Amino acid sequence: MKKIITTKNAPAPIGPYNQAVLKGTMLFTSGQIALDPKTGELVLGDIKAETKLVMENLKAVLTEAGMTFEHVLKTSIFISDMKNFAAINEVYGTYFNEATAPARETVEVANLPKYVNVEISMIASL
């Protein structure tokens, strides 16, 4: 049986999906964008600030599921401009121990929801 993970410390879904689904010990997060969970407003303009908010939103979802970034097995990063890769990677890297960092892919896409610059999803396990 799957368990729906929901927290007020991350943005509410803007469509027919949930923040995360826990199945056994496996957690699958939906992609997070730079929506401030307190105001519902987008944080755009500075790619590092945008990425930090995305990671903090993911942290809130992980925490609600009883996990940390150490439990993350894989991430998927979608960015609107590969020129932002270094800045995104710099912020992203502060959330992981390099020796135990998860597997990852980073893909440049034409558009993201609400025309944000970065969206990240994760798979984690206890």
Protein backbone atom coordinates (compact mmCIF):
# COMPACT_ATOMS: atom_id res chain seq x y z
CA MET A 1 0.00 0.00 0.00
CA LYS A 2 1.28 3.46 -0.80
CA LYS A 3 1.29 6.33 1.68
CA ILE A 4 0.86 9.93 0.55
CA ILE A 5 3.38 12.35 2.09
CA THR A 6 2.18 15.92 2.56
CA THR A 7 3.67 18.86 4.44
CA LYS A 8 2.71 22.52 4.77
CA ASN A 9 6.46 23.29 4.76
CA ALA A 10 6.62 22.70 0.99
CA PRO A 11 4.36 24.11 -1.72
CA ALA A 12 0.98 22.48 -2.19
CA PRO A 13 0.60 20.62 -5.49
CA ILE A 14 -0.72 22.72 -8.39
CA GLY A 15 -2.32 19.78 -10.15
CA PRO A 16 -3.53 16.19 -9.69
CA TYR A 17 -0.43 14.87 -7.88
CA ASN A 18 1.06 14.72 -4.36
CA GLN A 19 4.30 16.06 -2.91
CA ALA A 20 5.57 12.51 -2.45
CA VAL A 21 4.54 8.87 -2.29
CA LEU A 22 6.05 6.36 0.12
CA LYS A 23 5.88 2.69 -0.91
CA GLY A 24 7.54 0.41 1.61
CA THR A 25 10.89 2.08 2.28
CA MET A 26 10.99 3.91 -1.06
CA LEU A 27 10.05 7.59 -1.35
CA PHE A 28 9.27 9.20 -4.70
CA THR A 29 9.03 12.99 -4.64
CA SER A 30 7.29 15.10 -7.20
CA GLY A 31 9.40 17.75 -8.85
CA GLN A 32 9.81 20.84 -6.71
CA ILE A 33 10.11 24.34 -8.09
CA ALA A 34 10.91 27.63 -6.37
CA LEU A 35 7.49 28.27 -4.87
CA ASP A 36 7.63 29.78 -1.40
CA PRO A 37 5.38 27.52 0.73
CA LYS A 38 4.46 30.39 3.04
CA THR A 39 3.35 32.87 0.37
CA GLY A 40 2.71 30.71 -2.69
CA GLU A 41 4.86 33.15 -4.67
CA LEU A 42 7.59 32.18 -7.11
CA VAL A 43 11.17 33.12 -6.29
CA LEU A 44 12.83 33.89 -9.61
CA GLY A 45 15.68 36.03 -10.89
CA ASP A 46 18.65 34.66 -8.96
CA ILE A 47 19.36 31.05 -9.94
CA LYS A 48 21.16 30.28 -6.69
CA ALA A 49 18.25 31.56 -4.57
CA GLU A 50 15.83 29.65 -6.79
CA THR A 51 17.83 26.42 -6.43
CA LYS A 52 18.15 26.86 -2.66
CA LEU A 53 14.37 27.18 -2.30
CA VAL A 54 13.85 24.07 -4.45
CA MET A 55 16.26 22.13 -2.22
CA GLU A 56 14.61 23.47 0.96
CA ASN A 57 11.21 22.39 -0.39
CA LEU A 58 12.61 18.92 -1.02
CA LYS A 59 14.17 18.89 2.45
CA ALA A 60 10.72 19.60 3.94
CA VAL A 61 9.21 16.67 2.04
CA LEU A 62 12.06 14.36 3.07
CA THR A 63 11.68 15.45 6.69
CA GLU A 64 7.94 14.74 6.63
CA ALA A 65 8.77 11.22 5.44
CA GLY A 66 11.34 10.75 8.23
CA MET A 67 14.30 11.04 5.87
CA THR A 68 17.25 13.29 5.12
CA PHE A 69 19.37 13.96 2.05
CA GLU A 70 21.51 10.99 3.13
CA HIS A 71 18.58 8.74 2.16
CA VAL A 72 18.42 10.08 -1.41
CA LEU A 73 19.39 7.50 -4.03
CA LYS A 74 18.71 9.46 -7.23
CA THR A 75 17.83 12.96 -8.32
CA SER A 76 16.55 14.35 -11.59
CA ILE A 77 17.32 17.97 -12.34
CA PHE A 78 15.53 19.81 -15.12
CA ILE A 79 16.89 23.23 -16.09
CA SER A 80 15.79 25.77 -18.65
CA ASP A 81 19.33 26.86 -19.58
CA MET A 82 22.45 24.70 -19.30
CA LYS A 83 24.42 27.91 -18.74
CA ASN A 84 22.99 27.84 -15.19
CA PHE A 85 24.38 24.36 -14.50
CA ALA A 86 27.44 25.48 -12.50
CA ALA A 87 25.44 27.77 -10.21
CA ILE A 88 22.73 25.13 -9.67
CA ASN A 89 25.36 22.48 -9.02
CA GLU A 90 27.12 24.71 -6.49
CA VAL A 91 23.96 25.08 -4.38
CA TYR A 92 22.84 21.47 -4.91
CA GLY A 93 26.24 20.20 -3.77
CA THR A 94 25.91 21.84 -0.35
CA TYR A 95 23.09 19.44 0.50
CA PHE A 96 25.07 16.25 -0.06
CA ASN A 97 28.26 14.60 1.11
CA GLU A 98 30.22 14.16 -2.12
CA ALA A 99 31.40 10.68 -1.15
CA THR A 100 27.81 9.42 -0.71
CA ALA A 101 25.98 11.70 -3.14
CA PRO A 102 23.09 10.14 -5.09
CA ALA A 103 23.02 9.18 -8.74
CA ARG A 104 21.77 12.06 -10.87
CA GLU A 105 20.81 13.29 -14.29
CA THR A 106 20.57 16.89 -15.41
CA VAL A 107 18.55 17.73 -18.49
CA GLU A 108 17.96 21.02 -20.26
CA VAL A 109 14.32 21.43 -21.23
CA ALA A 110 12.39 23.95 -23.32
CA ASN A 111 9.95 24.96 -20.55
CA LEU A 112 9.16 24.09 -16.96
CA PRO A 113 5.97 24.67 -14.93
CA LYS A 114 5.32 28.38 -14.38
CA TYR A 115 8.43 29.01 -16.56
CA VAL A 116 10.82 28.47 -13.65
CA ASN A 117 14.52 27.87 -14.26
CA VAL A 118 15.00 24.67 -12.27
CA GLU A 119 12.92 21.70 -11.07
CA ILE A 120 14.28 18.80 -9.05
CA SER A 121 12.75 15.46 -8.03
CA MET A 122 14.19 12.68 -5.88
CA ILE A 123 13.97 9.00 -5.07
CA ALA A 124 14.98 8.08 -1.52
CA SER A 125 14.91 5.02 0.70
CA LEU A 126 15.17 4.29 4.40
